[in-house]
Structure formats: C-alpha cells, structure tokens
Amino acid sequence: MEATKKILILVILILGSLTIIAQSDVITRHNGEIIKGNVLRENEYTIVFTYENETAENTLSNYAIEKIVYGKSGRVKKVTDKIVVNGEDDWEKVTILEEKSYISGLTKVDEIRGKTAFINMQTGNTGDIKALKKLKMAAAALNCPFILVTSEKSTVGSKSNELGGSQSIKTGFAYKY
C-alpha cells in the first residue's frame, strides 16, 4: 500500500510539472473573448500569436486586447484600456486608426462620412478639422470607438475667394470591439 501511494504521488508530481511547462498564454479581448495560445511577438500596435495546438500565425490589434497573461511566468501585461462610446456626445473619445493592420480583431460596423458645407468661410485646415469632427460624431452615433479613414478629399470652387467655396470630405469605416 505504501509503494502505491509513493507511485501515485510521483505520477501527480510529473503530470503537474508537465502542465506547468506546457501552459499557454491567455489573451483577453475587450469584447470578452479569451484566446489561449502562444504570443510569438509584440509590435507597436499589434501582437502575433498562435492558437493552442496550431502553427498558423494570427495578428490582433492592440486596440482589441485588454491584457495578456503569460503562461510560463504568470506575468500580466495590460495592453489597452477599453474605450466606451455611448452616443454622439462621446465623439472626442473616437480614435482614428492610420493603418489597416490596426483594425485586426475589431468589427466593421458601417461606412461613415464627414464633410463641410461647400459654401463656407473656412480655411483648408479648419475645414479638415470640422470634417474630421463630423466623421468622429458619425462613428460615435453608432457607438463605435474607432475609424479607419479610407479617403480624404478637398475641393475648391472657381469662386472660392469670393464665396468660400472650399469643401473637405472624409470617408471611412466605423469599428467596434
């Protein structure tokens, strides 16, 4: 009986040490999804990882990730804070994403547009700022904290000096977690 207990304890210790060695990293996304796998590398705005028992590399935007718990060390790395947008009044919280890789792991909601009136008294730069504000307000109205700008256009009418005939138009896609 004593030998059986020793063997059982030895087996438990061996299995316990194997699970410690084989622990996966845990990625917690802002949408609540939990991913178990291995973080291969971290870039400035993205992470590259593999799912458990797979070899294909996947990329996630840091904007989509709340935290990473590293399996081998147990270290917890907070990646980004969740941006909560509850309507048009929160338009200042909306973040403009500069590259397509930054949207990896986010969900596309709708195409949006922000523009200034054709006849206005704005300079080119002020028109761009107003168009950007309208674009952010459109995303906020959809409760989306992110925008990927897909086109920016400024037009100037033939009588722009007399009537202020310049217009700034920005279009993009609104994204959420």
N, C-alpha and C. Protein backbone atom coordinates (compact mmCIF):
# COMPACT_ATOMS: atom_id res chain seq x y z
N MET A 1 0.82 -1.20 0.00
CA MET A 1 0.00 0.00 0.00
C MET A 1 0.86 1.26 0.00
N GLU A 2 1.94 1.22 0.81
CA GLU A 2 2.84 2.37 0.90
C GLU A 2 3.50 2.65 -0.46
N ALA A 3 3.87 1.62 -1.19
CA ALA A 3 4.50 1.77 -2.50
C ALA A 3 3.52 2.37 -3.50
N THR A 4 2.25 1.99 -3.40
CA THR A 4 1.23 2.52 -4.29
C THR A 4 1.05 4.02 -4.06
N LYS A 5 1.09 4.46 -2.82
CA LYS A 5 0.97 5.89 -2.51
C LYS A 5 2.15 6.66 -3.07
N LYS A 6 3.34 6.10 -2.95
CA LYS A 6 4.55 6.78 -3.47
C LYS A 6 4.48 6.91 -4.98
N ILE A 7 4.03 5.85 -5.65
CA ILE A 7 3.91 5.89 -7.12
C ILE A 7 2.85 6.90 -7.53
N LEU A 8 1.74 6.93 -6.82
CA LEU A 8 0.67 7.89 -7.13
C LEU A 8 1.15 9.33 -6.94
N ILE A 9 1.87 9.59 -5.87
CA ILE A 9 2.41 10.94 -5.64
C ILE A 9 3.41 11.29 -6.72
N LEU A 10 4.26 10.37 -7.13
CA LEU A 10 5.25 10.61 -8.18
C LEU A 10 4.56 10.94 -9.51
N VAL A 11 3.52 10.18 -9.86
CA VAL A 11 2.77 10.43 -11.10
C VAL A 11 2.12 11.82 -11.06
N ILE A 12 1.53 12.19 -9.94
CA ILE A 12 0.90 13.51 -9.80
C ILE A 12 1.93 14.62 -9.96
N LEU A 13 3.10 14.45 -9.35
CA LEU A 13 4.16 15.46 -9.48
C LEU A 13 4.64 15.59 -10.92
N ILE A 14 4.81 14.48 -11.62
CA ILE A 14 5.27 14.52 -13.01
C ILE A 14 4.23 15.20 -13.89
N LEU A 15 2.96 14.80 -13.74
CA LEU A 15 1.90 15.43 -14.54
C LEU A 15 1.75 16.91 -14.22
N GLY A 16 1.88 17.26 -12.95
CA GLY A 16 1.81 18.67 -12.55
C GLY A 16 2.92 19.49 -13.15
N SER A 17 4.14 18.94 -13.19
CA SER A 17 5.26 19.69 -13.78
C SER A 17 5.10 19.83 -15.28
N LEU A 18 4.52 18.83 -15.95
CA LEU A 18 4.29 18.92 -17.38
C LEU A 18 3.27 20.00 -17.71
N THR A 19 2.23 20.14 -16.91
CA THR A 19 1.23 21.17 -17.19
C THR A 19 1.82 22.55 -16.95
N ILE A 20 2.73 22.68 -16.01
CA ILE A 20 3.37 23.98 -15.79
C ILE A 20 4.23 24.34 -16.99
N ILE A 21 4.96 23.37 -17.53
CA ILE A 21 5.82 23.62 -18.69
C ILE A 21 4.99 23.97 -19.92
N ALA A 22 3.85 23.30 -20.10
CA ALA A 22 3.06 23.46 -21.32
C ALA A 22 1.98 24.53 -21.20
N GLN A 23 2.02 25.41 -20.20
CA GLN A 23 0.98 26.41 -20.05
C GLN A 23 0.99 27.40 -21.21
N SER A 24 -0.20 27.76 -21.64
CA SER A 24 -0.37 28.70 -22.74
C SER A 24 -0.50 30.12 -22.22
N ASP A 25 -0.26 31.05 -23.12
CA ASP A 25 -0.55 32.45 -22.83
C ASP A 25 -2.05 32.65 -22.97
N VAL A 26 -2.61 33.58 -22.22
CA VAL A 26 -4.05 33.85 -22.30
C VAL A 26 -4.23 35.31 -22.70
N ILE A 27 -4.89 35.53 -23.83
CA ILE A 27 -5.16 36.87 -24.35
C ILE A 27 -6.62 37.18 -24.08
N THR A 28 -6.88 38.25 -23.34
CA THR A 28 -8.25 38.67 -23.06
C THR A 28 -8.57 39.87 -23.94
N ARG A 29 -9.59 39.71 -24.77
CA ARG A 29 -10.00 40.80 -25.67
C ARG A 29 -11.05 41.67 -24.99
N HIS A 30 -11.20 42.90 -25.49
CA HIS A 30 -12.19 43.83 -24.93
C HIS A 30 -13.63 43.36 -25.16
N ASN A 31 -13.85 42.51 -26.16
CA ASN A 31 -15.21 42.02 -26.41
C ASN A 31 -15.56 40.82 -25.52
N GLY A 32 -14.64 40.43 -24.63
CA GLY A 32 -14.89 39.35 -23.69
C GLY A 32 -14.31 38.02 -24.12
N GLU A 33 -13.91 37.88 -25.37
CA GLU A 33 -13.34 36.63 -25.85
C GLU A 33 -11.99 36.37 -25.17
N ILE A 34 -11.76 35.12 -24.83
CA ILE A 34 -10.48 34.71 -24.23
C ILE A 34 -9.81 33.75 -25.20
N ILE A 35 -8.57 34.05 -25.55
CA ILE A 35 -7.81 33.25 -26.50
C ILE A 35 -6.66 32.58 -25.76
N LYS A 36 -6.55 31.26 -25.91
CA LYS A 36 -5.41 30.53 -25.35
C LYS A 36 -4.49 30.17 -26.49
N GLY A 37 -3.22 30.49 -26.32
CA GLY A 37 -2.24 30.22 -27.36
C GLY A 37 -0.87 30.66 -26.91
N ASN A 38 -0.04 31.00 -27.87
CA ASN A 38 1.32 31.46 -27.57
C ASN A 38 1.59 32.76 -28.29
N VAL A 39 1.95 33.79 -27.54
CA VAL A 39 2.33 35.07 -28.13
C VAL A 39 3.73 34.90 -28.71
N LEU A 40 3.85 35.14 -30.02
CA LEU A 40 5.15 34.97 -30.68
C LEU A 40 5.96 36.26 -30.65
N ARG A 41 5.28 37.38 -30.92
CA ARG A 41 5.98 38.67 -30.88
C ARG A 41 4.97 39.79 -30.71
N GLU A 42 5.46 40.88 -30.16
CA GLU A 42 4.66 42.07 -29.95
C GLU A 42 5.26 43.21 -30.75
N ASN A 43 4.43 43.84 -31.56
CA ASN A 43 4.85 45.02 -32.30
C ASN A 43 4.24 46.24 -31.62
N GLU A 44 4.48 47.41 -32.17
CA GLU A 44 3.99 48.62 -31.53
C GLU A 44 2.46 48.65 -31.43
N TYR A 45 1.75 48.21 -32.48
CA TYR A 45 0.29 48.30 -32.49
C TYR A 45 -0.40 46.95 -32.64
N THR A 46 0.36 45.86 -32.76
CA THR A 46 -0.24 44.54 -32.94
C THR A 46 0.55 43.48 -32.17
N ILE A 47 -0.09 42.32 -31.98
CA ILE A 47 0.62 41.15 -31.47
C ILE A 47 0.41 40.02 -32.47
N VAL A 48 1.39 39.14 -32.54
CA VAL A 48 1.31 37.96 -33.40
C VAL A 48 1.32 36.75 -32.46
N PHE A 49 0.36 35.84 -32.67
CA PHE A 49 0.22 34.69 -31.78
C PHE A 49 -0.24 33.48 -32.56
N THR A 50 -0.15 32.32 -31.92
CA THR A 50 -0.74 31.09 -32.45
C THR A 50 -1.74 30.57 -31.44
N TYR A 51 -2.82 29.96 -31.94
CA TYR A 51 -3.78 29.31 -31.06
C TYR A 51 -3.15 28.03 -30.52
N GLU A 52 -3.67 27.55 -29.39
CA GLU A 52 -3.20 26.29 -28.81
C GLU A 52 -3.27 25.18 -29.85
N ASN A 53 -2.24 24.39 -29.93
CA ASN A 53 -2.16 23.22 -30.82
C ASN A 53 -2.25 23.57 -32.30
N GLU A 54 -1.92 24.80 -32.66
CA GLU A 54 -1.89 25.21 -34.06
C GLU A 54 -0.57 25.90 -34.34
N THR A 55 -0.22 26.00 -35.63
CA THR A 55 1.03 26.66 -36.00
C THR A 55 0.82 27.92 -36.84
N ALA A 56 -0.41 28.14 -37.33
CA ALA A 56 -0.69 29.31 -38.16
C ALA A 56 -0.58 30.58 -37.31
N GLU A 57 0.13 31.58 -37.83
CA GLU A 57 0.28 32.84 -37.11
C GLU A 57 -0.94 33.73 -37.34
N ASN A 58 -1.39 34.37 -36.26
CA ASN A 58 -2.54 35.27 -36.30
C ASN A 58 -2.10 36.62 -35.74
N THR A 59 -2.75 37.68 -36.20
CA THR A 59 -2.43 39.03 -35.75
C THR A 59 -3.66 39.67 -35.14
N LEU A 60 -3.46 40.35 -34.03
CA LEU A 60 -4.53 41.11 -33.38
C LEU A 60 -4.02 42.51 -33.10
N SER A 61 -4.88 43.49 -33.30
CA SER A 61 -4.57 44.86 -32.96
C SER A 61 -4.53 45.01 -31.45
N ASN A 62 -3.59 45.79 -30.95
CA ASN A 62 -3.55 46.07 -29.52
C ASN A 62 -4.83 46.74 -29.05
N TYR A 63 -5.51 47.47 -29.93
CA TYR A 63 -6.76 48.14 -29.57
C TYR A 63 -7.84 47.13 -29.18
N ALA A 64 -7.75 45.90 -29.67
CA ALA A 64 -8.75 44.87 -29.39
C ALA A 64 -8.43 44.08 -28.12
N ILE A 65 -7.25 44.31 -27.54
CA ILE A 65 -6.77 43.47 -26.43
C ILE A 65 -6.77 44.24 -25.12
N GLU A 66 -7.35 43.63 -24.09
CA GLU A 66 -7.32 44.20 -22.75
C GLU A 66 -6.01 43.84 -22.05
N LYS A 67 -5.71 42.53 -22.02
CA LYS A 67 -4.50 42.10 -21.30
C LYS A 67 -4.01 40.76 -21.83
N ILE A 68 -2.76 40.45 -21.49
CA ILE A 68 -2.16 39.17 -21.81
C ILE A 68 -1.59 38.60 -20.51
N VAL A 69 -1.91 37.34 -20.23
CA VAL A 69 -1.31 36.64 -19.09
C VAL A 69 -0.35 35.61 -19.69
N TYR A 70 0.94 35.78 -19.42
CA TYR A 70 1.94 34.88 -19.97
C TYR A 70 1.98 33.61 -19.13
N GLY A 71 1.77 32.46 -19.80
CA GLY A 71 1.62 31.19 -19.12
C GLY A 71 2.84 30.73 -18.35
N LYS A 72 4.01 30.91 -18.92
CA LYS A 72 5.21 30.39 -18.28
C LYS A 72 5.58 31.18 -17.02
N SER A 73 5.43 32.49 -17.07
CA SER A 73 5.84 33.31 -15.93
C SER A 73 4.68 33.75 -15.05
N GLY A 74 3.46 33.77 -15.62
CA GLY A 74 2.32 34.27 -14.88
C GLY A 74 2.21 35.79 -14.90
N ARG A 75 3.13 36.43 -15.60
CA ARG A 75 3.13 37.89 -15.69
C ARG A 75 1.89 38.37 -16.44
N VAL A 76 1.28 39.44 -15.94
CA VAL A 76 0.10 40.04 -16.57
C VAL A 76 0.51 41.36 -17.19
N LYS A 77 0.23 41.50 -18.49
CA LYS A 77 0.54 42.75 -19.19
C LYS A 77 -0.77 43.39 -19.61
N LYS A 78 -1.05 44.58 -19.11
CA LYS A 78 -2.22 45.35 -19.54
C LYS A 78 -1.86 45.98 -20.88
N VAL A 79 -2.68 45.75 -21.89
CA VAL A 79 -2.34 46.22 -23.23
C VAL A 79 -3.00 47.57 -23.51
N THR A 80 -4.35 47.63 -23.50
CA THR A 80 -5.04 48.91 -23.71
C THR A 80 -6.27 48.99 -22.83
N ASP A 81 -6.68 50.20 -22.55
CA ASP A 81 -7.94 50.44 -21.86
C ASP A 81 -9.07 50.38 -22.87
N LYS A 82 -10.22 49.89 -22.45
CA LYS A 82 -11.39 49.85 -23.32
C LYS A 82 -11.95 51.26 -23.47
N ILE A 83 -12.24 51.63 -24.70
CA ILE A 83 -12.84 52.93 -24.99
C ILE A 83 -14.35 52.71 -25.11
N VAL A 84 -15.11 53.36 -24.25
CA VAL A 84 -16.57 53.21 -24.25
C VAL A 84 -17.18 54.47 -24.85
N VAL A 85 -17.92 54.29 -25.93
CA VAL A 85 -18.60 55.39 -26.61
C VAL A 85 -20.09 55.12 -26.54
N ASN A 86 -20.82 56.04 -25.90
CA ASN A 86 -22.26 55.89 -25.72
C ASN A 86 -23.02 57.01 -26.41
N GLY A 87 -22.81 57.14 -27.70
CA GLY A 87 -23.56 58.14 -28.45
C GLY A 87 -22.71 59.30 -28.91
N GLU A 88 -23.34 60.17 -29.65
CA GLU A 88 -22.67 61.28 -30.33
C GLU A 88 -21.93 62.21 -29.37
N ASP A 89 -22.39 62.35 -28.15
CA ASP A 89 -21.73 63.24 -27.19
C ASP A 89 -20.32 62.76 -26.83
N ASP A 90 -20.02 61.49 -27.07
CA ASP A 90 -18.69 60.94 -26.77
C ASP A 90 -17.76 60.99 -27.98
N TRP A 91 -18.02 61.84 -28.95
CA TRP A 91 -17.25 61.86 -30.19
C TRP A 91 -15.75 62.10 -29.97
N GLU A 92 -15.40 62.80 -28.91
CA GLU A 92 -13.98 63.09 -28.66
C GLU A 92 -13.20 61.84 -28.25
N LYS A 93 -13.88 60.79 -27.82
CA LYS A 93 -13.22 59.54 -27.44
C LYS A 93 -12.86 58.69 -28.66
N VAL A 94 -13.45 58.97 -29.81
CA VAL A 94 -13.25 58.16 -31.01
C VAL A 94 -11.81 58.32 -31.49
N THR A 95 -11.18 57.19 -31.81
CA THR A 95 -9.78 57.14 -32.22
C THR A 95 -9.68 56.88 -33.72
N ILE A 96 -8.83 57.64 -34.39
CA ILE A 96 -8.56 57.43 -35.81
C ILE A 96 -7.42 56.43 -35.93
N LEU A 97 -7.63 55.36 -36.70
CA LEU A 97 -6.60 54.36 -36.93
C LEU A 97 -5.95 54.63 -38.29
N GLU A 98 -4.62 54.65 -38.31
CA GLU A 98 -3.91 55.05 -39.53
C GLU A 98 -3.64 53.91 -40.50
N GLU A 99 -3.59 52.68 -40.01
CA GLU A 99 -3.24 51.55 -40.88
C GLU A 99 -4.26 50.43 -40.76
N LYS A 100 -4.40 49.66 -41.84
CA LYS A 100 -5.35 48.55 -41.84
C LYS A 100 -5.00 47.50 -40.79
N SER A 101 -3.72 47.33 -40.49
CA SER A 101 -3.33 46.31 -39.50
C SER A 101 -3.88 46.63 -38.12
N TYR A 102 -4.18 47.89 -37.86
CA TYR A 102 -4.68 48.30 -36.54
C TYR A 102 -6.13 47.86 -36.31
N ILE A 103 -6.84 47.44 -37.36
CA ILE A 103 -8.24 47.02 -37.19
C ILE A 103 -8.39 45.52 -36.98
N SER A 104 -7.27 44.79 -37.03
CA SER A 104 -7.31 43.34 -36.88
C SER A 104 -7.91 42.96 -35.53
N GLY A 105 -9.01 42.23 -35.57
CA GLY A 105 -9.70 41.83 -34.35
C GLY A 105 -10.85 42.74 -33.97
N LEU A 106 -11.03 43.84 -34.71
CA LEU A 106 -12.16 44.73 -34.48
C LEU A 106 -13.26 44.39 -35.49
N THR A 107 -14.49 44.83 -35.23
CA THR A 107 -15.63 44.51 -36.09
C THR A 107 -16.08 45.75 -36.86
N LYS A 108 -16.14 45.62 -38.19
CA LYS A 108 -16.60 46.72 -39.03
C LYS A 108 -18.10 46.89 -38.86
N VAL A 109 -18.55 48.15 -38.65
CA VAL A 109 -19.97 48.40 -38.44
C VAL A 109 -20.60 49.03 -39.67
N ASP A 110 -20.05 50.16 -40.15
CA ASP A 110 -20.68 50.84 -41.27
C ASP A 110 -19.71 51.85 -41.88
N GLU A 111 -19.98 52.24 -43.11
CA GLU A 111 -19.22 53.30 -43.75
C GLU A 111 -19.78 54.64 -43.26
N ILE A 112 -18.90 55.58 -42.97
CA ILE A 112 -19.33 56.88 -42.46
C ILE A 112 -18.65 57.98 -43.27
N ARG A 113 -19.19 59.20 -43.13
CA ARG A 113 -18.69 60.32 -43.91
C ARG A 113 -18.81 61.59 -43.10
N GLY A 114 -17.82 62.44 -43.24
CA GLY A 114 -17.84 63.75 -42.61
C GLY A 114 -17.43 64.78 -43.63
N LYS A 115 -18.21 65.86 -43.75
CA LYS A 115 -17.86 66.89 -44.74
C LYS A 115 -18.29 68.25 -44.25
N THR A 116 -17.66 69.26 -44.84
CA THR A 116 -18.06 70.64 -44.56
C THR A 116 -18.96 71.10 -45.69
N ALA A 117 -19.72 72.15 -45.42
CA ALA A 117 -20.59 72.72 -46.46
C ALA A 117 -19.73 73.29 -47.58
N PHE A 118 -20.24 73.28 -48.81
CA PHE A 118 -19.44 73.78 -49.94
C PHE A 118 -19.20 75.28 -49.81
N ILE A 119 -20.21 76.02 -49.44
CA ILE A 119 -20.02 77.47 -49.28
C ILE A 119 -19.83 77.72 -47.79
N ASN A 120 -18.61 78.09 -47.44
CA ASN A 120 -18.28 78.34 -46.04
C ASN A 120 -17.13 79.32 -45.97
N MET A 121 -16.80 79.72 -44.79
CA MET A 121 -15.72 80.69 -44.59
C MET A 121 -14.52 80.03 -43.93
N GLN A 122 -14.29 78.77 -44.22
CA GLN A 122 -13.22 78.01 -43.59
C GLN A 122 -11.96 78.03 -44.45
N THR A 123 -10.83 78.01 -43.78
CA THR A 123 -9.58 77.77 -44.48
C THR A 123 -9.49 76.27 -44.71
N GLY A 124 -8.54 75.84 -45.50
CA GLY A 124 -8.39 74.41 -45.77
C GLY A 124 -8.20 73.60 -44.50
N ASN A 125 -7.33 74.07 -43.61
CA ASN A 125 -7.04 73.34 -42.38
C ASN A 125 -8.25 73.30 -41.46
N THR A 126 -8.96 74.41 -41.31
CA THR A 126 -10.15 74.44 -40.46
C THR A 126 -11.24 73.53 -41.03
N GLY A 127 -11.36 73.51 -42.34
CA GLY A 127 -12.33 72.62 -42.99
C GLY A 127 -12.02 71.17 -42.71
N ASP A 128 -10.72 70.79 -42.74
CA ASP A 128 -10.32 69.41 -42.42
C ASP A 128 -10.68 69.05 -40.99
N ILE A 129 -10.45 69.99 -40.07
CA ILE A 129 -10.76 69.74 -38.65
C ILE A 129 -12.26 69.54 -38.46
N LYS A 130 -13.07 70.37 -39.12
CA LYS A 130 -14.53 70.23 -39.00
C LYS A 130 -15.02 68.93 -39.62
N ALA A 131 -14.45 68.55 -40.77
CA ALA A 131 -14.85 67.29 -41.42
C ALA A 131 -14.47 66.11 -40.54
N LEU A 132 -13.30 66.17 -39.90
CA LEU A 132 -12.87 65.11 -39.00
C LEU A 132 -13.80 65.01 -37.79
N LYS A 133 -14.20 66.17 -37.26
CA LYS A 133 -15.14 66.17 -36.12
C LYS A 133 -16.46 65.51 -36.53
N LYS A 134 -16.97 65.84 -37.71
CA LYS A 134 -18.23 65.24 -38.17
C LYS A 134 -18.07 63.75 -38.38
N LEU A 135 -16.90 63.31 -38.86
CA LEU A 135 -16.64 61.89 -39.04
C LEU A 135 -16.65 61.17 -37.69
N LYS A 136 -15.99 61.77 -36.69
CA LYS A 136 -15.97 61.19 -35.35
C LYS A 136 -17.37 61.17 -34.73
N MET A 137 -18.16 62.21 -34.98
CA MET A 137 -19.53 62.25 -34.46
C MET A 137 -20.39 61.15 -35.09
N ALA A 138 -20.16 60.89 -36.38
CA ALA A 138 -20.91 59.83 -37.06
C ALA A 138 -20.56 58.46 -36.47
N ALA A 139 -19.28 58.24 -36.15
CA ALA A 139 -18.86 56.97 -35.54
C ALA A 139 -19.44 56.86 -34.13
N ALA A 140 -19.40 57.95 -33.38
CA ALA A 140 -19.92 57.96 -32.01
C ALA A 140 -21.42 57.68 -31.99
N ALA A 141 -22.15 58.18 -32.99
CA ALA A 141 -23.59 57.93 -33.07
C ALA A 141 -23.87 56.44 -33.24
N LEU A 142 -22.90 55.69 -33.79
CA LEU A 142 -23.02 54.24 -33.95
C LEU A 142 -22.40 53.49 -32.77
N ASN A 143 -21.98 54.25 -31.74
CA ASN A 143 -21.30 53.68 -30.56
C ASN A 143 -20.00 52.97 -30.92
N CYS A 144 -19.31 53.49 -31.92
CA CYS A 144 -18.05 52.90 -32.39
C CYS A 144 -16.86 53.76 -31.94
N PRO A 145 -15.89 53.16 -31.27
CA PRO A 145 -14.75 53.94 -30.80
C PRO A 145 -13.61 54.10 -31.80
N PHE A 146 -13.72 53.49 -32.99
CA PHE A 146 -12.61 53.54 -33.94
C PHE A 146 -13.08 53.87 -35.35
N ILE A 147 -12.20 54.56 -36.10
CA ILE A 147 -12.45 54.87 -37.50
C ILE A 147 -11.18 54.56 -38.29
N LEU A 148 -11.34 53.88 -39.40
CA LEU A 148 -10.27 53.74 -40.38
C LEU A 148 -10.65 54.65 -41.54
N VAL A 149 -9.90 55.74 -41.72
CA VAL A 149 -10.19 56.71 -42.79
C VAL A 149 -9.75 56.08 -44.11
N THR A 150 -10.68 56.07 -45.08
CA THR A 150 -10.37 55.46 -46.38
C THR A 150 -10.15 56.48 -47.48
N SER A 151 -10.70 57.70 -47.32
CA SER A 151 -10.41 58.73 -48.31
C SER A 151 -10.59 60.11 -47.70
N GLU A 152 -9.76 61.02 -48.19
CA GLU A 152 -9.82 62.42 -47.78
C GLU A 152 -9.74 63.25 -49.05
N LYS A 153 -10.66 64.18 -49.18
CA LYS A 153 -10.70 64.98 -50.40
C LYS A 153 -11.04 66.42 -50.04
N SER A 154 -10.34 67.33 -50.66
CA SER A 154 -10.66 68.75 -50.51
C SER A 154 -10.91 69.31 -51.90
N THR A 155 -12.01 70.04 -52.02
CA THR A 155 -12.32 70.66 -53.31
C THR A 155 -12.36 72.16 -53.13
N VAL A 156 -12.01 72.86 -54.19
CA VAL A 156 -12.04 74.33 -54.18
C VAL A 156 -12.78 74.77 -55.41
N GLY A 157 -13.85 75.56 -55.21
CA GLY A 157 -14.65 76.05 -56.32
C GLY A 157 -13.95 77.19 -57.06
N SER A 158 -14.44 77.53 -58.23
CA SER A 158 -13.81 78.58 -59.05
C SER A 158 -13.96 79.95 -58.39
N LYS A 159 -14.94 80.13 -57.56
CA LYS A 159 -15.14 81.41 -56.89
C LYS A 159 -14.83 81.29 -55.40
N SER A 160 -13.86 80.45 -55.08
CA SER A 160 -13.59 80.16 -53.68
C SER A 160 -13.17 81.41 -52.90
N ASN A 161 -12.49 82.34 -53.52
CA ASN A 161 -12.06 83.53 -52.79
C ASN A 161 -13.25 84.42 -52.44
N GLU A 162 -14.27 84.46 -53.29
CA GLU A 162 -15.42 85.32 -53.04
C GLU A 162 -16.46 84.65 -52.14
N LEU A 163 -16.74 83.37 -52.37
CA LEU A 163 -17.83 82.70 -51.66
C LEU A 163 -17.36 81.68 -50.63
N GLY A 164 -16.08 81.49 -50.51
CA GLY A 164 -15.60 80.46 -49.59
C GLY A 164 -15.94 79.08 -50.07
N GLY A 165 -15.83 78.84 -51.37
CA GLY A 165 -16.25 77.59 -51.99
C GLY A 165 -15.27 76.46 -51.84
N SER A 166 -14.80 76.19 -50.65
CA SER A 166 -13.94 75.02 -50.45
C SER A 166 -14.71 74.01 -49.61
N GLN A 167 -14.40 72.76 -49.83
CA GLN A 167 -15.10 71.71 -49.10
C GLN A 167 -14.11 70.59 -48.78
N SER A 168 -14.23 70.08 -47.56
CA SER A 168 -13.42 68.95 -47.13
C SER A 168 -14.34 67.77 -46.89
N ILE A 169 -13.99 66.62 -47.47
CA ILE A 169 -14.80 65.42 -47.34
C ILE A 169 -13.89 64.28 -46.87
N LYS A 170 -14.31 63.61 -45.80
CA LYS A 170 -13.57 62.46 -45.29
C LYS A 170 -14.54 61.29 -45.19
N THR A 171 -14.11 60.12 -45.66
CA THR A 171 -14.92 58.92 -45.52
C THR A 171 -14.08 57.84 -44.86
N GLY A 172 -14.77 56.90 -44.23
CA GLY A 172 -14.08 55.82 -43.56
C GLY A 172 -15.07 54.78 -43.09
N PHE A 173 -14.55 53.83 -42.31
CA PHE A 173 -15.39 52.79 -41.73
C PHE A 173 -15.30 52.87 -40.23
N ALA A 174 -16.45 52.74 -39.58
CA ALA A 174 -16.52 52.73 -38.11
C ALA A 174 -16.35 51.30 -37.62
N TYR A 175 -15.57 51.14 -36.56
CA TYR A 175 -15.30 49.82 -35.98
C TYR A 175 -15.61 49.81 -34.50
N LYS A 176 -15.96 48.62 -34.01
CA LYS A 176 -16.19 48.40 -32.58
C LYS A 176 -15.46 47.14 -32.15
N TYR A 177 -15.51 46.83 -30.87
CA TYR A 177 -14.82 45.65 -30.35
C TYR A 177 -15.44 44.36 -30.81
